[in-house]
């Protein structure tokens, strides 16, 4: 195969990859928006249903619906471990543990300096005016 054909093939593959990426990116944007709306509506319906179940004293009942059963349950999950939380709690823990402020600040600094950072490459779509032809 000549060099010219190889370059032309690579160029076409790049064009196809970019078109495919843009198409999938647009689909994902739409699906993300739809999923966010669905989660919001589900949460509203859930809040309304829980409120009505409590008003009707059905909070300990099992409701059979569409081949499934619904019960009211209590869930607990630990909050996310954030830097804000660590910045607040490490000095408090250090004070109770007999460590100095300097030691707790040193620990926070060490954690921040040694925090894992992952770098990846990705395409970023920037909104702009009229569509420009791609590599033609």
N, C-alpha and C. Protein backbone atom coordinates (compact mmCIF):
# COMPACT_ATOMS: atom_id res chain seq x y z
N UNK A 1 0.85 -1.18 0.00
CA UNK A 1 0.00 0.00 0.00
C UNK A 1 0.89 1.24 0.00
N UNK A 2 0.55 2.22 -0.78
CA UNK A 2 1.38 3.41 -0.85
C UNK A 2 1.18 4.28 0.39
N UNK A 3 2.16 5.13 0.62
CA UNK A 3 2.10 6.05 1.77
C UNK A 3 0.88 6.94 1.68
N UNK A 4 0.54 7.36 0.47
CA UNK A 4 -0.62 8.24 0.27
C UNK A 4 -1.91 7.54 0.71
N UNK A 5 -2.05 6.26 0.38
CA UNK A 5 -3.25 5.51 0.78
C UNK A 5 -3.30 5.31 2.29
N UNK A 6 -2.16 5.07 2.91
CA UNK A 6 -2.11 4.89 4.36
C UNK A 6 -2.54 6.17 5.06
N UNK A 7 -2.02 7.31 4.61
CA UNK A 7 -2.38 8.61 5.20
C UNK A 7 -3.86 8.88 5.00
N UNK A 8 -4.37 8.59 3.81
CA UNK A 8 -5.79 8.81 3.52
C UNK A 8 -6.66 7.92 4.41
N UNK A 9 -6.24 6.64 4.61
CA UNK A 9 -6.97 5.72 5.48
C UNK A 9 -6.95 6.21 6.93
N UNK A 10 -5.80 6.68 7.40
CA UNK A 10 -5.70 7.20 8.76
C UNK A 10 -6.58 8.43 8.93
N UNK A 11 -6.58 9.29 7.92
CA UNK A 11 -7.39 10.51 7.97
C UNK A 11 -8.88 10.14 8.05
N UNK A 12 -9.30 9.16 7.26
CA UNK A 12 -10.71 8.73 7.28
C UNK A 12 -11.06 8.10 8.62
N UNK A 13 -10.15 7.30 9.16
CA UNK A 13 -10.39 6.69 10.47
C UNK A 13 -10.52 7.76 11.55
N UNK A 14 -9.66 8.81 11.47
CA UNK A 14 -9.74 9.91 12.42
C UNK A 14 -11.08 10.63 12.29
N UNK A 15 -11.50 10.92 11.07
CA UNK A 15 -12.79 11.58 10.84
C UNK A 15 -13.93 10.74 11.41
N UNK A 16 -13.89 9.43 11.14
CA UNK A 16 -14.93 8.54 11.66
C UNK A 16 -14.92 8.49 13.19
N UNK A 17 -13.73 8.46 13.78
CA UNK A 17 -13.62 8.43 15.24
C UNK A 17 -14.18 9.71 15.86
N UNK A 18 -13.85 10.84 15.27
CA UNK A 18 -14.33 12.12 15.80
C UNK A 18 -15.85 12.23 15.65
N UNK A 19 -16.37 11.85 14.50
CA UNK A 19 -17.83 11.88 14.31
C UNK A 19 -18.52 10.96 15.31
N UNK A 20 -17.96 9.76 15.48
CA UNK A 20 -18.53 8.82 16.44
C UNK A 20 -18.47 9.35 17.85
N UNK A 21 -17.35 9.98 18.23
CA UNK A 21 -17.21 10.55 19.57
C UNK A 21 -18.25 11.64 19.80
N UNK A 22 -18.41 12.53 18.82
CA UNK A 22 -19.37 13.63 18.95
C UNK A 22 -20.79 13.08 19.08
N UNK A 23 -21.12 12.08 18.27
CA UNK A 23 -22.45 11.48 18.35
C UNK A 23 -22.69 10.88 19.73
N UNK A 24 -21.73 10.11 20.25
CA UNK A 24 -21.88 9.49 21.56
C UNK A 24 -21.90 10.53 22.67
N UNK A 25 -21.10 11.59 22.53
CA UNK A 25 -21.09 12.65 23.52
C UNK A 25 -22.46 13.33 23.59
N UNK A 26 -23.05 13.59 22.43
CA UNK A 26 -24.40 14.20 22.40
C UNK A 26 -25.43 13.27 23.02
N UNK A 27 -25.33 11.96 22.72
CA UNK A 27 -26.26 11.00 23.33
C UNK A 27 -26.12 10.99 24.85
N UNK A 28 -24.87 10.98 25.32
CA UNK A 28 -24.64 10.97 26.77
C UNK A 28 -25.19 12.23 27.44
N UNK A 29 -25.00 13.37 26.81
CA UNK A 29 -25.54 14.61 27.38
C UNK A 29 -27.06 14.51 27.53
N UNK A 30 -27.73 14.01 26.49
CA UNK A 30 -29.18 13.87 26.54
C UNK A 30 -29.60 12.85 27.61
N UNK A 31 -28.90 11.72 27.66
CA UNK A 31 -29.25 10.70 28.64
C UNK A 31 -28.99 11.18 30.06
N UNK A 32 -27.90 11.92 30.26
CA UNK A 32 -27.61 12.46 31.60
C UNK A 32 -28.71 13.41 32.05
N UNK A 33 -29.16 14.26 31.14
CA UNK A 33 -30.23 15.20 31.47
C UNK A 33 -31.52 14.45 31.78
N UNK A 34 -31.84 13.44 30.96
CA UNK A 34 -33.05 12.66 31.21
C UNK A 34 -32.96 11.89 32.52
N UNK A 35 -31.79 11.32 32.81
CA UNK A 35 -31.60 10.57 34.06
C UNK A 35 -31.72 11.50 35.26
N UNK A 36 -31.16 12.69 35.16
CA UNK A 36 -31.26 13.66 36.26
C UNK A 36 -32.72 14.04 36.50
N UNK A 37 -33.47 14.27 35.42
CA UNK A 37 -34.89 14.60 35.56
C UNK A 37 -35.66 13.43 36.17
N UNK A 38 -35.35 12.21 35.73
CA UNK A 38 -36.03 11.03 36.26
C UNK A 38 -35.73 10.86 37.75
N UNK A 39 -34.47 11.08 38.15
CA UNK A 39 -34.11 10.97 39.58
C UNK A 39 -34.86 12.02 40.41
N UNK A 40 -34.95 13.23 39.87
CA UNK A 40 -35.67 14.30 40.58
C UNK A 40 -37.14 13.94 40.75
N UNK A 41 -37.76 13.47 39.68
CA UNK A 41 -39.18 13.10 39.74
C UNK A 41 -39.40 11.89 40.66
N UNK A 42 -38.50 10.91 40.58
CA UNK A 42 -38.62 9.74 41.47
C UNK A 42 -38.52 10.17 42.93
N UNK A 43 -37.60 11.06 43.25
CA UNK A 43 -37.43 11.54 44.62
C UNK A 43 -38.69 12.27 45.09
N UNK A 44 -39.30 13.06 44.21
CA UNK A 44 -40.53 13.77 44.57
C UNK A 44 -41.65 12.77 44.85
N UNK A 45 -41.81 11.79 43.98
CA UNK A 45 -42.85 10.78 44.18
C UNK A 45 -42.59 9.97 45.45
N UNK A 46 -41.32 9.68 45.70
CA UNK A 46 -40.97 8.93 46.91
C UNK A 46 -41.31 9.74 48.17
N UNK A 47 -40.97 11.02 48.17
CA UNK A 47 -41.27 11.89 49.31
C UNK A 47 -42.77 11.96 49.53
N UNK A 48 -43.53 12.14 48.45
CA UNK A 48 -44.99 12.20 48.55
C UNK A 48 -45.56 10.88 49.08
N UNK A 49 -45.08 9.76 48.54
CA UNK A 49 -45.59 8.45 48.96
C UNK A 49 -45.28 8.19 50.43
N UNK A 50 -44.07 8.51 50.86
CA UNK A 50 -43.70 8.29 52.27
C UNK A 50 -44.58 9.15 53.18
N UNK A 51 -44.77 10.39 52.79
CA UNK A 51 -45.61 11.29 53.60
C UNK A 51 -47.04 10.75 53.70
N UNK A 52 -47.59 10.32 52.57
CA UNK A 52 -48.95 9.78 52.58
C UNK A 52 -49.04 8.47 53.37
N UNK A 53 -48.04 7.62 53.23
CA UNK A 53 -48.04 6.36 53.99
C UNK A 53 -48.05 6.64 55.49
N UNK A 54 -47.28 7.64 55.92
CA UNK A 54 -47.25 7.97 57.35
C UNK A 54 -48.58 8.57 57.79
N UNK A 55 -49.17 9.45 56.96
CA UNK A 55 -50.45 10.04 57.31
C UNK A 55 -51.54 8.97 57.43
N UNK A 56 -51.46 7.97 56.57
CA UNK A 56 -52.46 6.91 56.57
C UNK A 56 -52.09 5.75 57.50
N UNK A 57 -51.01 5.93 58.24
CA UNK A 57 -50.50 4.92 59.17
C UNK A 57 -50.20 3.59 58.46
N UNK A 58 -49.63 3.70 57.28
CA UNK A 58 -49.24 2.52 56.51
C UNK A 58 -47.71 2.36 56.47
N UNK A 59 -47.01 3.10 57.35
CA UNK A 59 -45.56 3.10 57.30
C UNK A 59 -44.93 1.74 57.69
N UNK A 60 -45.69 0.85 58.30
CA UNK A 60 -45.19 -0.48 58.62
C UNK A 60 -45.78 -1.55 57.69
N UNK A 61 -46.49 -1.12 56.68
CA UNK A 61 -47.16 -2.04 55.76
C UNK A 61 -46.27 -2.39 54.57
N UNK A 62 -46.64 -3.46 53.90
CA UNK A 62 -46.02 -3.85 52.64
C UNK A 62 -47.07 -3.66 51.56
N UNK A 63 -46.69 -2.93 50.52
CA UNK A 63 -47.62 -2.64 49.43
C UNK A 63 -47.18 -3.45 48.20
N UNK A 64 -48.10 -4.26 47.68
CA UNK A 64 -47.82 -5.06 46.49
C UNK A 64 -48.13 -4.22 45.25
N UNK A 65 -47.13 -4.06 44.37
CA UNK A 65 -47.29 -3.25 43.17
C UNK A 65 -46.52 -3.88 42.02
N UNK A 66 -47.20 -4.14 40.90
CA UNK A 66 -46.55 -4.60 39.66
C UNK A 66 -45.52 -5.69 39.88
N UNK A 67 -45.89 -6.72 40.59
CA UNK A 67 -44.98 -7.84 40.79
C UNK A 67 -43.86 -7.57 41.78
N UNK A 68 -43.94 -6.47 42.50
CA UNK A 68 -42.92 -6.14 43.50
C UNK A 68 -43.63 -5.73 44.78
N UNK A 69 -42.88 -5.63 45.84
CA UNK A 69 -43.45 -5.14 47.09
C UNK A 69 -42.64 -3.96 47.59
N UNK A 70 -43.35 -2.99 48.12
CA UNK A 70 -42.71 -1.79 48.63
C UNK A 70 -42.89 -1.73 50.14
N UNK A 71 -41.80 -1.47 50.83
CA UNK A 71 -41.86 -1.26 52.27
C UNK A 71 -41.05 -0.01 52.59
N UNK A 72 -41.40 0.64 53.65
CA UNK A 72 -40.67 1.81 54.10
C UNK A 72 -39.48 1.31 54.92
N UNK A 73 -38.30 1.76 54.59
CA UNK A 73 -37.12 1.31 55.33
C UNK A 73 -36.25 2.50 55.70
N UNK A 74 -35.50 2.33 56.74
CA UNK A 74 -34.53 3.34 57.16
C UNK A 74 -33.16 2.90 56.66
N UNK A 75 -32.45 3.82 56.06
CA UNK A 75 -31.10 3.54 55.58
C UNK A 75 -30.16 4.54 56.21
N UNK A 76 -28.96 4.08 56.46
CA UNK A 76 -27.93 5.02 56.90
C UNK A 76 -26.66 4.69 56.13
N UNK A 77 -25.98 5.74 55.74
CA UNK A 77 -24.73 5.57 55.00
C UNK A 77 -23.77 6.65 55.49
N UNK A 78 -22.52 6.29 55.63
CA UNK A 78 -21.57 7.30 56.08
C UNK A 78 -21.42 8.42 55.05
N UNK A 79 -21.22 9.62 55.53
CA UNK A 79 -21.01 10.76 54.63
C UNK A 79 -19.66 10.60 53.93
N UNK A 80 -19.52 11.23 52.80
CA UNK A 80 -18.26 11.17 52.05
C UNK A 80 -17.13 11.77 52.87
N UNK A 81 -15.97 11.18 52.71
CA UNK A 81 -14.78 11.68 53.39
C UNK A 81 -14.17 12.77 52.51
N UNK A 82 -14.38 14.02 52.90
CA UNK A 82 -13.92 15.15 52.09
C UNK A 82 -12.78 15.87 52.78
N UNK A 83 -12.07 16.71 52.00
CA UNK A 83 -11.00 17.50 52.60
C UNK A 83 -11.55 18.46 53.65
N UNK A 84 -12.71 19.02 53.40
CA UNK A 84 -13.32 19.93 54.38
C UNK A 84 -13.53 19.21 55.71
N UNK A 85 -14.04 17.99 55.63
CA UNK A 85 -14.26 17.20 56.84
C UNK A 85 -12.92 16.90 57.53
N UNK A 86 -11.92 16.48 56.76
CA UNK A 86 -10.61 16.18 57.35
C UNK A 86 -9.99 17.42 57.98
N UNK A 87 -10.09 18.56 57.31
CA UNK A 87 -9.53 19.80 57.86
C UNK A 87 -10.18 20.19 59.17
N UNK A 88 -11.45 19.81 59.34
CA UNK A 88 -12.17 20.12 60.57
C UNK A 88 -11.88 19.07 61.65
N UNK A 89 -11.86 17.81 61.28
CA UNK A 89 -11.79 16.74 62.26
C UNK A 89 -10.38 16.36 62.71
N UNK A 90 -9.39 16.46 61.84
CA UNK A 90 -8.03 16.08 62.25
C UNK A 90 -7.52 16.95 63.40
N UNK A 91 -7.69 18.28 63.35
CA UNK A 91 -7.25 19.08 64.50
C UNK A 91 -8.02 18.71 65.79
N UNK A 92 -9.31 18.41 65.67
CA UNK A 92 -10.09 18.02 66.85
C UNK A 92 -9.57 16.70 67.40
N UNK A 93 -9.30 15.74 66.51
CA UNK A 93 -8.76 14.45 66.94
C UNK A 93 -7.38 14.64 67.56
N UNK A 94 -6.56 15.49 66.94
CA UNK A 94 -5.20 15.73 67.43
C UNK A 94 -5.23 16.32 68.84
N UNK A 95 -6.16 17.26 69.06
CA UNK A 95 -6.27 17.88 70.39
C UNK A 95 -6.64 16.84 71.44
N UNK A 96 -7.58 15.94 71.10
CA UNK A 96 -7.97 14.89 72.05
C UNK A 96 -6.86 13.86 72.25
N UNK A 97 -6.00 13.72 71.25
CA UNK A 97 -4.94 12.72 71.31
C UNK A 97 -3.64 13.27 71.89
N UNK A 98 -3.62 14.55 72.20
CA UNK A 98 -2.42 15.15 72.78
C UNK A 98 -1.40 15.62 71.75
N UNK A 99 -1.78 15.68 70.50
CA UNK A 99 -0.88 16.19 69.46
C UNK A 99 -0.98 17.71 69.40
N UNK A 100 0.07 18.33 68.93
CA UNK A 100 0.05 19.79 68.82
C UNK A 100 -0.65 20.21 67.52
N UNK A 101 -0.99 21.49 67.46
CA UNK A 101 -1.59 22.04 66.24
C UNK A 101 -0.62 21.88 65.08
N UNK A 102 0.66 22.11 65.34
CA UNK A 102 1.67 21.98 64.29
C UNK A 102 1.71 20.55 63.75
N UNK A 103 1.57 19.57 64.63
CA UNK A 103 1.58 18.17 64.18
C UNK A 103 0.36 17.86 63.32
N UNK A 104 -0.80 18.37 63.73
CA UNK A 104 -2.01 18.10 62.93
C UNK A 104 -1.91 18.82 61.58
N UNK A 105 -1.37 20.03 61.57
CA UNK A 105 -1.18 20.74 60.30
C UNK A 105 -0.16 20.02 59.43
N UNK A 106 0.85 19.47 60.05
CA UNK A 106 1.85 18.71 59.31
C UNK A 106 1.22 17.47 58.68
N UNK A 107 0.34 16.80 59.40
CA UNK A 107 -0.35 15.63 58.86
C UNK A 107 -1.21 16.03 57.67
N UNK A 108 -1.98 17.11 57.78
CA UNK A 108 -2.82 17.57 56.67
C UNK A 108 -1.96 17.91 55.45
N UNK A 109 -0.85 18.60 55.69
CA UNK A 109 0.03 18.96 54.58
C UNK A 109 0.58 17.71 53.91
N UNK A 110 0.98 16.73 54.72
CA UNK A 110 1.51 15.49 54.17
C UNK A 110 0.45 14.77 53.34
N UNK A 111 -0.78 14.70 53.84
CA UNK A 111 -1.86 14.04 53.11
C UNK A 111 -2.12 14.74 51.78
N UNK A 112 -2.13 16.06 51.79
CA UNK A 112 -2.37 16.81 50.56
C UNK A 112 -1.25 16.61 49.55
N UNK A 113 -0.02 16.59 50.03
CA UNK A 113 1.13 16.43 49.14
C UNK A 113 1.21 15.02 48.56
N UNK A 114 0.69 14.03 49.29
CA UNK A 114 0.79 12.65 48.85
C UNK A 114 -0.52 12.08 48.32
N UNK A 115 -1.47 12.95 48.11
CA UNK A 115 -2.76 12.52 47.56
C UNK A 115 -2.55 12.01 46.13
N UNK A 116 -3.17 10.89 45.83
CA UNK A 116 -3.03 10.31 44.50
C UNK A 116 -3.73 11.19 43.47
N UNK A 117 -3.04 11.44 42.37
CA UNK A 117 -3.61 12.21 41.27
C UNK A 117 -3.47 11.36 40.01
N UNK A 118 -4.58 11.16 39.34
CA UNK A 118 -4.56 10.41 38.09
C UNK A 118 -4.78 11.38 36.94
N UNK A 119 -3.93 11.28 35.96
CA UNK A 119 -4.06 12.13 34.78
C UNK A 119 -4.42 11.26 33.58
N UNK A 120 -5.38 11.72 32.83
CA UNK A 120 -5.78 11.02 31.62
C UNK A 120 -5.96 12.05 30.51
N UNK A 121 -5.96 11.57 29.30
CA UNK A 121 -6.24 12.44 28.17
C UNK A 121 -7.65 12.17 27.70
N UNK A 122 -8.34 13.23 27.31
CA UNK A 122 -9.69 13.08 26.79
C UNK A 122 -9.98 14.21 25.82
N UNK A 123 -11.01 14.02 25.04
CA UNK A 123 -11.43 15.07 24.12
C UNK A 123 -12.37 16.00 24.87
N UNK A 124 -12.32 17.26 24.54
CA UNK A 124 -13.22 18.24 25.15
C UNK A 124 -13.92 18.98 24.02
N UNK A 125 -15.23 18.99 24.11
CA UNK A 125 -16.01 19.68 23.08
C UNK A 125 -16.23 21.12 23.53
N UNK A 126 -15.83 22.06 22.69
CA UNK A 126 -16.02 23.48 22.97
C UNK A 126 -17.09 24.02 22.05
N UNK A 127 -18.08 24.66 22.60
CA UNK A 127 -19.15 25.23 21.78
C UNK A 127 -18.58 26.38 20.95
N UNK A 128 -18.99 26.42 19.71
CA UNK A 128 -18.56 27.50 18.84
C UNK A 128 -19.63 27.78 17.81
N UNK A 129 -19.37 28.70 16.92
CA UNK A 129 -20.33 29.12 15.91
C UNK A 129 -20.69 28.03 14.93
N UNK A 130 -20.88 28.38 13.65
CA UNK A 130 -21.29 27.40 12.63
C UNK A 130 -20.30 26.24 12.54
N UNK A 131 -20.83 25.09 12.14
CA UNK A 131 -20.01 23.90 12.02
C UNK A 131 -18.93 24.09 10.97
N UNK A 132 -17.74 23.66 11.33
CA UNK A 132 -16.61 23.71 10.41
C UNK A 132 -16.34 22.29 9.91
N UNK A 133 -15.97 22.11 8.65
CA UNK A 133 -15.65 20.77 8.18
C UNK A 133 -14.42 20.22 8.92
N UNK A 134 -14.41 18.91 9.14
CA UNK A 134 -13.33 18.26 9.86
C UNK A 134 -12.39 17.60 8.88
N UNK A 135 -11.13 17.99 8.90
CA UNK A 135 -10.08 17.35 8.12
C UNK A 135 -10.49 16.94 6.71
N UNK A 136 -10.88 17.88 5.92
CA UNK A 136 -11.27 17.51 4.56
C UNK A 136 -10.27 17.96 3.55
